[in-house]
Amino acid sequence: MIGIADMVAFKLLVTRTTARNVGAGIAEALNESAESLALDFAGIQGFTPSFFDELLHSMGELSQSHGRDLLLELANPPAELSSVHEAIARAHGLRITEADGGSWLIGPP
């Protein structure tokens, strides 16, 4: 599990640039992960739809470069799962669901 709060200067994630920087920062962890990748958003106060969109884009590019489907868990998401998040995931050809513990699970439909 990768702690996002340790990778960013601010606790409100609003820009696509921040999402790209997070993506670059976890590229090595994706290399080491056999199945899925878990991102922990504990300590993050919120993120914008544009940050979430760019994060999925970055994670999708990383997954494709490794020849596998994107399987992503967002632990301690800083927002409730909404139709906006679902629409963003669909735009990337992904499905997003909420697990019993509140984590978001993102992967192929």
PDB file of N, CA and C in Angstrom:
ATOM      1  N   MET A   1       0.852  -1.170   0.000  1.00  0.00           N
ATOM      2  CA  MET A   1       0.000   0.000   0.000  1.00  0.00           C
ATOM      3  C   MET A   1       0.900   1.237   0.000  1.00  0.00           C
ATOM      4  N   ILE A   2       0.604   2.142  -0.887  1.00  0.00           N
ATOM      5  CA  ILE A   2       1.401   3.350  -1.050  1.00  0.00           C
ATOM      6  C   ILE A   2       0.649   4.534  -0.455  1.00  0.00           C
ATOM      7  N   GLY A   3       1.267   5.232   0.471  1.00  0.00           N
ATOM      8  CA  GLY A   3       0.655   6.398   1.105  1.00  0.00           C
ATOM      9  C   GLY A   3       0.801   7.625   0.231  1.00  0.00           C
ATOM     10  N   ILE A   4      -0.321   8.132  -0.246  1.00  0.00           N
ATOM     11  CA  ILE A   4      -0.308   9.300  -1.130  1.00  0.00           C
ATOM     12  C   ILE A   4       0.074  10.564  -0.370  1.00  0.00           C
ATOM     13  N   ALA A   5      -0.343  10.695   0.883  1.00  0.00           N
ATOM     14  CA  ALA A   5      -0.052  11.897   1.664  1.00  0.00           C
ATOM     15  C   ALA A   5       1.447  12.130   1.797  1.00  0.00           C
ATOM     16  N   ASP A   6       2.231  11.063   1.749  1.00  0.00           N
ATOM     17  CA  ASP A   6       3.683  11.195   1.845  1.00  0.00           C
ATOM     18  C   ASP A   6       4.308  11.680   0.544  1.00  0.00           C
ATOM     19  N   MET A   7       3.549  11.647  -0.534  1.00  0.00           N
ATOM     20  CA  MET A   7       4.087  11.980  -1.852  1.00  0.00           C
ATOM     21  C   MET A   7       3.744  13.387  -2.317  1.00  0.00           C
ATOM     22  N   VAL A   8       2.860  14.067  -1.592  1.00  0.00           N
ATOM     23  CA  VAL A   8       2.378  15.368  -2.046  1.00  0.00           C
ATOM     24  C   VAL A   8       2.591  16.422  -0.972  1.00  0.00           C
ATOM     25  N   ALA A   9       2.690  17.669  -1.410  1.00  0.00           N
ATOM     26  CA  ALA A   9       2.906  18.779  -0.478  1.00  0.00           C
ATOM     27  C   ALA A   9       1.591  19.259   0.141  1.00  0.00           C
ATOM     28  N   PHE A  10       0.508  19.123  -0.593  1.00  0.00           N
ATOM     29  CA  PHE A  10      -0.787  19.631  -0.138  1.00  0.00           C
ATOM     30  C   PHE A  10      -1.731  18.471   0.130  1.00  0.00           C
ATOM     31  N   LYS A  11      -2.700  18.684   0.963  1.00  0.00           N
ATOM     32  CA  LYS A  11      -3.643  17.625   1.337  1.00  0.00           C
ATOM     33  C   LYS A  11      -4.956  17.725   0.583  1.00  0.00           C
ATOM     34  N   LEU A  12      -5.067  18.718  -0.284  1.00  0.00           N
ATOM     35  CA  LEU A  12      -6.196  18.834  -1.201  1.00  0.00           C
ATOM     36  C   LEU A  12      -5.611  18.736  -2.602  1.00  0.00           C
ATOM     37  N   LEU A  13      -5.949  17.675  -3.311  1.00  0.00           N
ATOM     38  CA  LEU A  13      -5.334  17.386  -4.605  1.00  0.00           C
ATOM     39  C   LEU A  13      -6.227  17.908  -5.722  1.00  0.00           C
ATOM     40  N   VAL A  14      -5.740  18.933  -6.430  1.00  0.00           N
ATOM     41  CA  VAL A  14      -6.608  19.612  -7.386  1.00  0.00           C
ATOM     42  C   VAL A  14      -6.106  19.622  -8.824  1.00  0.00           C
ATOM     43  N   THR A  15      -4.838  19.390  -9.049  1.00  0.00           N
ATOM     44  CA  THR A  15      -4.335  19.568 -10.412  1.00  0.00           C
ATOM     45  C   THR A  15      -3.967  18.256 -11.091  1.00  0.00           C
ATOM     46  N   ARG A  16      -4.025  18.304 -12.403  1.00  0.00           N
ATOM     47  CA  ARG A  16      -3.598  17.165 -13.203  1.00  0.00           C
ATOM     48  C   ARG A  16      -2.083  16.938 -13.052  1.00  0.00           C
ATOM     49  N   THR A  17      -1.343  18.016 -12.875  1.00  0.00           N
ATOM     50  CA  THR A  17       0.100  17.901 -12.689  1.00  0.00           C
ATOM     51  C   THR A  17       0.412  17.097 -11.431  1.00  0.00           C
ATOM     52  N   THR A  18      -0.314  17.353 -10.372  1.00  0.00           N
ATOM     53  CA  THR A  18      -0.113  16.589  -9.141  1.00  0.00           C
ATOM     54  C   THR A  18      -0.397  15.116  -9.382  1.00  0.00           C
ATOM     55  N   ALA A  19      -1.449  14.820 -10.126  1.00  0.00           N
ATOM     56  CA  ALA A  19      -1.786  13.421 -10.426  1.00  0.00           C
ATOM     57  C   ALA A  19      -0.678  12.761 -11.244  1.00  0.00           C
ATOM     58  N   ARG A  20      -0.119  13.481 -12.208  1.00  0.00           N
ATOM     59  CA  ARG A  20       0.980  12.922 -13.008  1.00  0.00           C
ATOM     60  C   ARG A  20       2.206  12.673 -12.129  1.00  0.00           C
ATOM     61  N   ASN A  21       2.465  13.583 -11.198  1.00  0.00           N
ATOM     62  CA  ASN A  21       3.597  13.399 -10.287  1.00  0.00           C
ATOM     63  C   ASN A  21       3.386  12.186  -9.384  1.00  0.00           C
ATOM     64  N   VAL A  22       2.170  11.990  -8.917  1.00  0.00           N
ATOM     65  CA  VAL A  22       1.854  10.809  -8.113  1.00  0.00           C
ATOM     66  C   VAL A  22       2.062   9.559  -8.962  1.00  0.00           C
ATOM     67  N   GLY A  23       1.578   9.596 -10.194  1.00  0.00           N
ATOM     68  CA  GLY A  23       1.747   8.457 -11.098  1.00  0.00           C
ATOM     69  C   GLY A  23       3.208   8.115 -11.313  1.00  0.00           C
ATOM     70  N   ALA A  24       4.024   9.130 -11.502  1.00  0.00           N
ATOM     71  CA  ALA A  24       5.454   8.890 -11.693  1.00  0.00           C
ATOM     72  C   ALA A  24       6.080   8.322 -10.420  1.00  0.00           C
ATOM     73  N   GLY A  25       5.605   8.782  -9.291  1.00  0.00           N
ATOM     74  CA  GLY A  25       6.149   8.326  -8.023  1.00  0.00           C
ATOM     75  C   GLY A  25       5.821   6.888  -7.687  1.00  0.00           C
ATOM     76  N   ILE A  26       4.746   6.361  -8.264  1.00  0.00           N
ATOM     77  CA  ILE A  26       4.382   4.982  -7.945  1.00  0.00           C
ATOM     78  C   ILE A  26       4.709   4.006  -9.082  1.00  0.00           C
ATOM     79  N   ALA A  27       5.371   4.502 -10.109  1.00  0.00           N
ATOM     80  CA  ALA A  27       5.736   3.625 -11.231  1.00  0.00           C
ATOM     81  C   ALA A  27       6.581   2.453 -10.762  1.00  0.00           C
ATOM     82  N   GLU A  28       7.501   2.689  -9.853  1.00  0.00           N
ATOM     83  CA  GLU A  28       8.355   1.611  -9.367  1.00  0.00           C
ATOM     84  C   GLU A  28       7.540   0.563  -8.617  1.00  0.00           C
ATOM     85  N   ALA A  29       6.574   1.014  -7.824  1.00  0.00           N
ATOM     86  CA  ALA A  29       5.734   0.074  -7.078  1.00  0.00           C
ATOM     87  C   ALA A  29       4.911  -0.784  -8.031  1.00  0.00           C
ATOM     88  N   LEU A  30       4.492  -0.224  -9.142  1.00  0.00           N
ATOM     89  CA  LEU A  30       3.738  -0.999 -10.118  1.00  0.00           C
ATOM     90  C   LEU A  30       4.618  -2.090 -10.721  1.00  0.00           C
ATOM     91  N   ASN A  31       5.888  -1.796 -10.893  1.00  0.00           N
ATOM     92  CA  ASN A  31       6.823  -2.806 -11.385  1.00  0.00           C
ATOM     93  C   ASN A  31       6.908  -3.994 -10.432  1.00  0.00           C
ATOM     94  N   GLU A  32       6.834  -3.712  -9.133  1.00  0.00           N
ATOM     95  CA  GLU A  32       6.988  -4.750  -8.123  1.00  0.00           C
ATOM     96  C   GLU A  32       5.693  -5.494  -7.830  1.00  0.00           C
ATOM     97  N   SER A  33       4.557  -4.907  -8.175  1.00  0.00           N
ATOM     98  CA  SER A  33       3.258  -5.491  -7.853  1.00  0.00           C
ATOM     99  C   SER A  33       2.884  -6.557  -8.872  1.00  0.00           C
ATOM    100  N   ALA A  34       2.567  -7.738  -8.374  1.00  0.00           N
ATOM    101  CA  ALA A  34       2.220  -8.840  -9.268  1.00  0.00           C
ATOM    102  C   ALA A  34       0.784  -8.743  -9.763  1.00  0.00           C
ATOM    103  N   GLU A  35      -0.115  -8.293  -8.944  1.00  0.00           N
ATOM    104  CA  GLU A  35      -1.525  -8.306  -9.313  1.00  0.00           C
ATOM    105  C   GLU A  35      -2.144  -6.918  -9.351  1.00  0.00           C
ATOM    106  N   SER A  36      -2.200  -6.270  -8.196  1.00  0.00           N
ATOM    107  CA  SER A  36      -2.900  -4.993  -8.119  1.00  0.00           C
ATOM    108  C   SER A  36      -2.060  -3.997  -7.351  1.00  0.00           C
ATOM    109  N   LEU A  37      -2.531  -2.784  -7.347  1.00  0.00           N
ATOM    110  CA  LEU A  37      -1.841  -1.701  -6.683  1.00  0.00           C
ATOM    111  C   LEU A  37      -2.821  -1.044  -5.722  1.00  0.00           C
ATOM    112  N   ALA A  38      -2.376  -0.767  -4.502  1.00  0.00           N
ATOM    113  CA  ALA A  38      -3.229  -0.128  -3.500  1.00  0.00           C
ATOM    114  C   ALA A  38      -2.647   1.231  -3.137  1.00  0.00           C
ATOM    115  N   LEU A  39      -3.478   2.255  -3.237  1.00  0.00           N
ATOM    116  CA  LEU A  39      -3.090   3.616  -2.878  1.00  0.00           C
ATOM    117  C   LEU A  39      -3.881   4.029  -1.647  1.00  0.00           C
ATOM    118  N   ASP A  40      -3.188   4.508  -0.626  1.00  0.00           N
ATOM    119  CA  ASP A  40      -3.837   4.912   0.619  1.00  0.00           C
ATOM    120  C   ASP A  40      -3.942   6.429   0.651  1.00  0.00           C
ATOM    121  N   PHE A  41      -5.167   6.930   0.700  1.00  0.00           N
ATOM    122  CA  PHE A  41      -5.424   8.365   0.716  1.00  0.00           C
ATOM    123  C   PHE A  41      -5.643   8.910   2.128  1.00  0.00           C
ATOM    124  N   ALA A  42      -5.246   8.161   3.149  1.00  0.00           N
ATOM    125  CA  ALA A  42      -5.351   8.654   4.528  1.00  0.00           C
ATOM    126  C   ALA A  42      -4.567   9.958   4.639  1.00  0.00           C
ATOM    127  N   GLY A  43      -5.172  10.952   5.273  1.00  0.00           N
ATOM    128  CA  GLY A  43      -4.526  12.242   5.432  1.00  0.00           C
ATOM    129  C   GLY A  43      -4.805  13.218   4.303  1.00  0.00           C
ATOM    130  N   ILE A  44      -5.410  12.750   3.231  1.00  0.00           N
ATOM    131  CA  ILE A  44      -5.785  13.617   2.116  1.00  0.00           C
ATOM    132  C   ILE A  44      -7.205  14.113   2.369  1.00  0.00           C
ATOM    133  N   GLN A  45      -7.399  15.419   2.250  1.00  0.00           N
ATOM    134  CA  GLN A  45      -8.707  16.009   2.554  1.00  0.00           C
ATOM    135  C   GLN A  45      -9.693  15.916   1.401  1.00  0.00           C
ATOM    136  N   GLY A  46      -9.186  15.831   0.180  1.00  0.00           N
ATOM    137  CA  GLY A  46     -10.079  15.735  -0.968  1.00  0.00           C
ATOM    138  C   GLY A  46      -9.296  15.762  -2.264  1.00  0.00           C
ATOM    139  N   PHE A  47      -9.991  15.390  -3.352  1.00  0.00           N
ATOM    140  CA  PHE A  47      -9.402  15.545  -4.676  1.00  0.00           C
ATOM    141  C   PHE A  47     -10.492  15.916  -5.664  1.00  0.00           C
ATOM    142  N   THR A  48     -10.083  16.631  -6.694  1.00  0.00           N
ATOM    143  CA  THR A  48     -11.025  17.108  -7.700  1.00  0.00           C
ATOM    144  C   THR A  48     -11.240  16.040  -8.766  1.00  0.00           C
ATOM    145  N   PRO A  49     -12.322  16.168  -9.531  1.00  0.00           N
ATOM    146  CA  PRO A  49     -12.530  15.240 -10.645  1.00  0.00           C
ATOM    147  C   PRO A  49     -11.368  15.256 -11.639  1.00  0.00           C
ATOM    148  N   SER A  50     -10.763  16.421 -11.864  1.00  0.00           N
ATOM    149  CA  SER A  50      -9.646  16.471 -12.816  1.00  0.00           C
ATOM    150  C   SER A  50      -8.435  15.702 -12.290  1.00  0.00           C
ATOM    151  N   PHE A  51      -8.176  15.770 -10.980  1.00  0.00           N
ATOM    152  CA  PHE A  51      -7.094  14.978 -10.400  1.00  0.00           C
ATOM    153  C   PHE A  51      -7.394  13.491 -10.575  1.00  0.00           C
ATOM    154  N   PHE A  52      -8.617  13.077 -10.250  1.00  0.00           N
ATOM    155  CA  PHE A  52      -8.993  11.669 -10.350  1.00  0.00           C
ATOM    156  C   PHE A  52      -8.898  11.175 -11.790  1.00  0.00           C
ATOM    157  N   ASP A  53      -9.353  11.982 -12.739  1.00  0.00           N
ATOM    158  CA  ASP A  53      -9.277  11.623 -14.155  1.00  0.00           C
ATOM    159  C   ASP A  53      -7.826  11.423 -14.580  1.00  0.00           C
ATOM    160  N   GLU A  54      -6.971  12.350 -14.220  1.00  0.00           N
ATOM    161  CA  GLU A  54      -5.558  12.243 -14.607  1.00  0.00           C
ATOM    162  C   GLU A  54      -4.867  11.089 -13.893  1.00  0.00           C
ATOM    163  N   LEU A  55      -5.245  10.817 -12.653  1.00  0.00           N
ATOM    164  CA  LEU A  55      -4.682   9.683 -11.932  1.00  0.00           C
ATOM    165  C   LEU A  55      -5.010   8.378 -12.649  1.00  0.00           C
ATOM    166  N   LEU A  56      -6.271   8.206 -13.053  1.00  0.00           N
ATOM    167  CA  LEU A  56      -6.654   6.996 -13.785  1.00  0.00           C
ATOM    168  C   LEU A  56      -5.931   6.918 -15.126  1.00  0.00           C
ATOM    169  N   HIS A  57      -5.773   8.049 -15.773  1.00  0.00           N
ATOM    170  CA  HIS A  57      -5.044   8.074 -17.041  1.00  0.00           C
ATOM    171  C   HIS A  57      -3.595   7.625 -16.829  1.00  0.00           C
ATOM    172  N   SER A  58      -2.939   8.188 -15.826  1.00  0.00           N
ATOM    173  CA  SER A  58      -1.548   7.838 -15.530  1.00  0.00           C
ATOM    174  C   SER A  58      -1.406   6.373 -15.149  1.00  0.00           C
ATOM    175  N   MET A  59      -2.308   5.900 -14.310  1.00  0.00           N
ATOM    176  CA  MET A  59      -2.247   4.499 -13.883  1.00  0.00           C
ATOM    177  C   MET A  59      -2.527   3.560 -15.056  1.00  0.00           C
ATOM    178  N   GLY A  60      -3.440   3.969 -15.933  1.00  0.00           N
ATOM    179  CA  GLY A  60      -3.738   3.171 -17.121  1.00  0.00           C
ATOM    180  C   GLY A  60      -2.544   3.074 -18.048  1.00  0.00           C
ATOM    181  N   GLU A  61      -1.843   4.188 -18.246  1.00  0.00           N
ATOM    182  CA  GLU A  61      -0.646   4.168 -19.085  1.00  0.00           C
ATOM    183  C   GLU A  61       0.421   3.259 -18.491  1.00  0.00           C
ATOM    184  N   LEU A  62       0.607   3.332 -17.184  1.00  0.00           N
ATOM    185  CA  LEU A  62       1.593   2.476 -16.531  1.00  0.00           C
ATOM    186  C   LEU A  62       1.233   1.005 -16.691  1.00  0.00           C
ATOM    187  N   SER A  63      -0.038   0.690 -16.498  1.00  0.00           N
ATOM    188  CA  SER A  63      -0.479  -0.698 -16.625  1.00  0.00           C
ATOM    189  C   SER A  63      -0.266  -1.209 -18.042  1.00  0.00           C
ATOM    190  N   GLN A  64      -0.642  -0.395 -19.022  1.00  0.00           N
ATOM    191  CA  GLN A  64      -0.471  -0.803 -20.412  1.00  0.00           C
ATOM    192  C   GLN A  64       1.000  -1.020 -20.755  1.00  0.00           C
ATOM    193  N   SER A  65       1.860  -0.165 -20.225  1.00  0.00           N
ATOM    194  CA  SER A  65       3.288  -0.324 -20.517  1.00  0.00           C
ATOM    195  C   SER A  65       3.840  -1.608 -19.916  1.00  0.00           C
ATOM    196  N   HIS A  66       3.131  -2.149 -18.918  1.00  0.00           N
ATOM    197  CA  HIS A  66       3.536  -3.414 -18.306  1.00  0.00           C
ATOM    198  C   HIS A  66       2.718  -4.591 -18.846  1.00  0.00           C
ATOM    199  N   GLY A  67       1.870  -4.318 -19.838  1.00  0.00           N
ATOM    200  CA  GLY A  67       1.111  -5.371 -20.500  1.00  0.00           C
ATOM    201  C   GLY A  67       0.076  -6.050 -19.630  1.00  0.00           C
ATOM    202  N   ARG A  68      -0.599  -5.290 -18.793  1.00  0.00           N
ATOM    203  CA  ARG A  68      -1.628  -5.899 -17.952  1.00  0.00           C
ATOM    204  C   ARG A  68      -2.762  -4.922 -17.700  1.00  0.00           C
ATOM    205  N   ASP A  69      -3.889  -5.466 -17.231  1.00  0.00           N
ATOM    206  CA  ASP A  69      -5.043  -4.642 -16.913  1.00  0.00           C
ATOM    207  C   ASP A  69      -4.782  -3.851 -15.643  1.00  0.00           C
ATOM    208  N   LEU A  70      -5.419  -2.690 -15.558  1.00  0.00           N
ATOM    209  CA  LEU A  70      -5.327  -1.875 -14.357  1.00  0.00           C
ATOM    210  C   LEU A  70      -6.219  -2.458 -13.273  1.00  0.00           C
ATOM    211  N   LEU A  71      -5.632  -2.801 -12.144  1.00  0.00           N
ATOM    212  CA  LEU A  71      -6.354  -3.225 -10.954  1.00  0.00           C
ATOM    213  C   LEU A  71      -5.868  -2.328  -9.830  1.00  0.00           C
ATOM    214  N   LEU A  72      -6.750  -1.464  -9.359  1.00  0.00           N
ATOM    215  CA  LEU A  72      -6.350  -0.428  -8.421  1.00  0.00           C
ATOM    216  C   LEU A  72      -7.308  -0.393  -7.245  1.00  0.00           C
ATOM    217  N   GLU A  73      -6.758  -0.289  -6.042  1.00  0.00           N
ATOM    218  CA  GLU A  73      -7.565  -0.084  -4.844  1.00  0.00           C
ATOM    219  C   GLU A  73      -7.215   1.282  -4.279  1.00  0.00           C
ATOM    220  N   LEU A  74      -8.239   2.080  -3.992  1.00  0.00           N
ATOM    221  CA  LEU A  74      -8.054   3.358  -3.319  1.00  0.00           C
ATOM    222  C   LEU A  74      -8.578   3.203  -1.904  1.00  0.00           C
ATOM    223  N   ALA A  75      -7.658   3.094  -0.951  1.00  0.00           N
ATOM    224  CA  ALA A  75      -8.028   2.969   0.456  1.00  0.00           C
ATOM    225  C   ALA A  75      -8.199   4.364   1.053  1.00  0.00           C
ATOM    226  N   ASN A  76      -9.130   4.485   1.962  1.00  0.00           N
ATOM    227  CA  ASN A  76      -9.414   5.758   2.636  1.00  0.00           C
ATOM    228  C   ASN A  76      -9.664   6.893   1.646  1.00  0.00           C
ATOM    229  N   PRO A  77     -10.546   6.685   0.674  1.00  0.00           N
ATOM    230  CA  PRO A  77     -10.802   7.755  -0.299  1.00  0.00           C
ATOM    231  C   PRO A  77     -11.334   8.987   0.423  1.00  0.00           C
ATOM    232  N   PRO A  78     -10.925  10.179  -0.019  1.00  0.00           N
ATOM    233  CA  PRO A  78     -11.317  11.409   0.667  1.00  0.00           C
ATOM    234  C   PRO A  78     -12.690  11.944   0.264  1.00  0.00           C
ATOM    235  N   ALA A  79     -13.486  11.121  -0.378  1.00  0.00           N
ATOM    236  CA  ALA A  79     -14.827  11.524  -0.801  1.00  0.00           C
ATOM    237  C   ALA A  79     -15.698  10.277  -0.862  1.00  0.00           C
ATOM    238  N   GLU A  80     -16.996  10.509  -0.904  1.00  0.00           N
ATOM    239  CA  GLU A  80     -17.911   9.391  -1.131  1.00  0.00           C
ATOM    240  C   GLU A  80     -17.925   9.087  -2.622  1.00  0.00           C
ATOM    241  N   LEU A  81     -18.009   7.810  -2.944  1.00  0.00           N
ATOM    242  CA  LEU A  81     -18.095   7.409  -4.338  1.00  0.00           C
ATOM    243  C   LEU A  81     -19.367   7.997  -4.942  1.00  0.00           C
ATOM    244  N   SER A  82     -19.218   8.643  -6.091  1.00  0.00           N
ATOM    245  CA  SER A  82     -20.364   9.309  -6.711  1.00  0.00           C
ATOM    246  C   SER A  82     -20.472   8.936  -8.184  1.00  0.00           C
ATOM    247  N   SER A  83     -21.536   9.378  -8.787  1.00  0.00           N
ATOM    248  CA  SER A  83     -21.738   9.130 -10.215  1.00  0.00           C
ATOM    249  C   SER A  83     -20.668   9.835 -11.047  1.00  0.00           C
ATOM    250  N   VAL A  84     -20.102  10.913 -10.538  1.00  0.00           N
ATOM    251  CA  VAL A  84     -19.015  11.599 -11.243  1.00  0.00           C
ATOM    252  C   VAL A  84     -17.793  10.686 -11.317  1.00  0.00           C
ATOM    253  N   HIS A  85     -17.442  10.063 -10.192  1.00  0.00           N
ATOM    254  CA  HIS A  85     -16.305   9.136 -10.179  1.00  0.00           C
ATOM    255  C   HIS A  85     -16.565   7.941 -11.103  1.00  0.00           C
ATOM    256  N   GLU A  86     -17.792   7.439 -11.064  1.00  0.00           N
ATOM    257  CA  GLU A  86     -18.154   6.310 -11.925  1.00  0.00           C
ATOM    258  C   GLU A  86     -18.046   6.694 -13.396  1.00  0.00           C
ATOM    259  N   ALA A  87     -18.478   7.905 -13.749  1.00  0.00           N
ATOM    260  CA  ALA A  87     -18.403   8.361 -15.137  1.00  0.00           C
ATOM    261  C   ALA A  87     -16.955   8.521 -15.592  1.00  0.00           C
ATOM    262  N   ILE A  88     -16.115   9.026 -14.718  1.00  0.00           N
ATOM    263  CA  ILE A  88     -14.696   9.172 -15.055  1.00  0.00           C
ATOM    264  C   ILE A  88     -14.079   7.793 -15.283  1.00  0.00           C
ATOM    265  N   ALA A  89     -14.381   6.852 -14.417  1.00  0.00           N
ATOM    266  CA  ALA A  89     -13.863   5.494 -14.590  1.00  0.00           C
ATOM    267  C   ALA A  89     -14.343   4.900 -15.913  1.00  0.00           C
ATOM    268  N   ARG A  90     -15.639   5.058 -16.222  1.00  0.00           N
ATOM    269  CA  ARG A  90     -16.185   4.536 -17.487  1.00  0.00           C
ATOM    270  C   ARG A  90     -15.481   5.150 -18.693  1.00  0.00           C
ATOM    271  N   ALA A  91     -15.138   6.437 -18.603  1.00  0.00           N
ATOM    272  CA  ALA A  91     -14.455   7.109 -19.713  1.00  0.00           C
ATOM    273  C   ALA A  91     -13.086   6.484 -19.982  1.00  0.00           C
ATOM    274  N   HIS A  92     -12.533   5.817 -18.980  1.00  0.00           N
ATOM    275  CA  HIS A  92     -11.246   5.130 -19.127  1.00  0.00           C
ATOM    276  C   HIS A  92     -11.432   3.635 -19.372  1.00  0.00           C
ATOM    277  N   GLY A  93     -12.681   3.227 -19.609  1.00  0.00           N
ATOM    278  CA  GLY A  93     -12.954   1.819 -19.851  1.00  0.00           C
ATOM    279  C   GLY A  93     -12.847   0.973 -18.597  1.00  0.00           C
ATOM    280  N   LEU A  94     -13.110   1.592 -17.451  1.00  0.00           N
ATOM    281  CA  LEU A  94     -12.973   0.913 -16.170  1.00  0.00           C
ATOM    282  C   LEU A  94     -14.292   0.896 -15.415  1.00  0.00           C
ATOM    283  N   ARG A  95     -14.336   0.052 -14.418  1.00  0.00           N
ATOM    284  CA  ARG A  95     -15.489  -0.032 -13.517  1.00  0.00           C
ATOM    285  C   ARG A  95     -14.992   0.265 -12.113  1.00  0.00           C
ATOM    286  N   ILE A  96     -15.767   1.014 -11.358  1.00  0.00           N
ATOM    287  CA  ILE A  96     -15.394   1.357  -9.992  1.00  0.00           C
ATOM    288  C   ILE A  96     -16.516   0.911  -9.056  1.00  0.00           C
ATOM    289  N   THR A  97     -16.138   0.248  -7.986  1.00  0.00           N
ATOM    290  CA  THR A  97     -17.104  -0.199  -6.978  1.00  0.00           C
ATOM    291  C   THR A  97     -16.544   0.125  -5.601  1.00  0.00           C
ATOM    292  N   GLU A  98     -17.435   0.116  -4.635  1.00  0.00           N
ATOM    293  CA  GLU A  98     -17.010   0.362  -3.262  1.00  0.00           C
ATOM    294  C   GLU A  98     -17.040  -0.946  -2.495  1.00  0.00           C
ATOM    295  N   ALA A  99     -15.919  -1.282  -1.866  1.00  0.00           N
ATOM    296  CA  ALA A  99     -15.812  -2.502  -1.065  1.00  0.00           C
ATOM    297  C   ALA A  99     -16.472  -2.274   0.294  1.00  0.00           C
ATOM    298  N   ASP A 100     -16.688  -3.361   1.028  1.00  0.00           N
ATOM    299  CA  ASP A 100     -17.332  -3.276   2.333  1.00  0.00           C
ATOM    300  C   ASP A 100     -16.623  -2.316   3.284  1.00  0.00           C
ATOM    301  N   GLY A 101     -15.306  -2.268   3.247  1.00  0.00           N
ATOM    302  CA  GLY A 101     -14.548  -1.406   4.137  1.00  0.00           C
ATOM    303  C   GLY A 101     -14.470   0.038   3.690  1.00  0.00           C
ATOM    304  N   GLY A 102     -15.074   0.363   2.555  1.00  0.00           N
ATOM    305  CA  GLY A 102     -15.073   1.727   2.061  1.00  0.00           C
ATOM    306  C   GLY A 102     -14.050   2.006   0.981  1.00  0.00           C
ATOM    307  N   SER A 103     -13.133   1.082   0.730  1.00  0.00           N
ATOM    308  CA  SER A 103     -12.158   1.272  -0.336  1.00  0.00           C
ATOM    309  C   SER A 103     -12.859   1.254  -1.696  1.00  0.00           C
ATOM    310  N   TRP A 104     -12.269   1.930  -2.645  1.00  0.00           N
ATOM    311  CA  TRP A 104     -12.759   1.887  -4.025  1.00  0.00           C
ATOM    312  C   TRP A 104     -11.924   0.868  -4.780  1.00  0.00           C
ATOM    313  N   LEU A 105     -12.579   0.028  -5.529  1.00  0.00           N
ATOM    314  CA  LEU A 105     -11.903  -0.972  -6.362  1.00  0.00           C
ATOM    315  C   LEU A 105     -12.127  -0.587  -7.820  1.00  0.00           C
ATOM    316  N   ILE A 106     -11.040  -0.446  -8.545  1.00  0.00           N
ATOM    317  CA  ILE A 106     -11.089   0.019  -9.928  1.00  0.00           C
ATOM    318  C   ILE A 106     -10.414  -1.018 -10.816  1.00  0.00           C
ATOM    319  N   GLY A 107     -11.128  -1.419 -11.861  1.00  0.00           N
ATOM    320  CA  GLY A 107     -10.576  -2.408 -12.774  1.00  0.00           C
ATOM    321  C   GLY A 107     -11.412  -2.508 -14.025  1.00  0.00           C
ATOM    322  N   PRO A 108     -11.113  -3.501 -14.854  1.00  0.00           N
ATOM    323  CA  PRO A 108     -11.873  -3.681 -16.093  1.00  0.00           C
ATOM    324  C   PRO A 108     -13.335  -3.997 -15.782  1.00  0.00           C
ATOM    325  N   PRO A 109     -14.216  -3.642 -16.701  1.00  0.00           N
ATOM    326  CA  PRO A 109     -15.644  -3.917 -16.475  1.00  0.00           C
ATOM    327  C   PRO A 109     -15.956  -5.404 -16.409  1.00  0.00           C
TER     328      PRO A 109
END
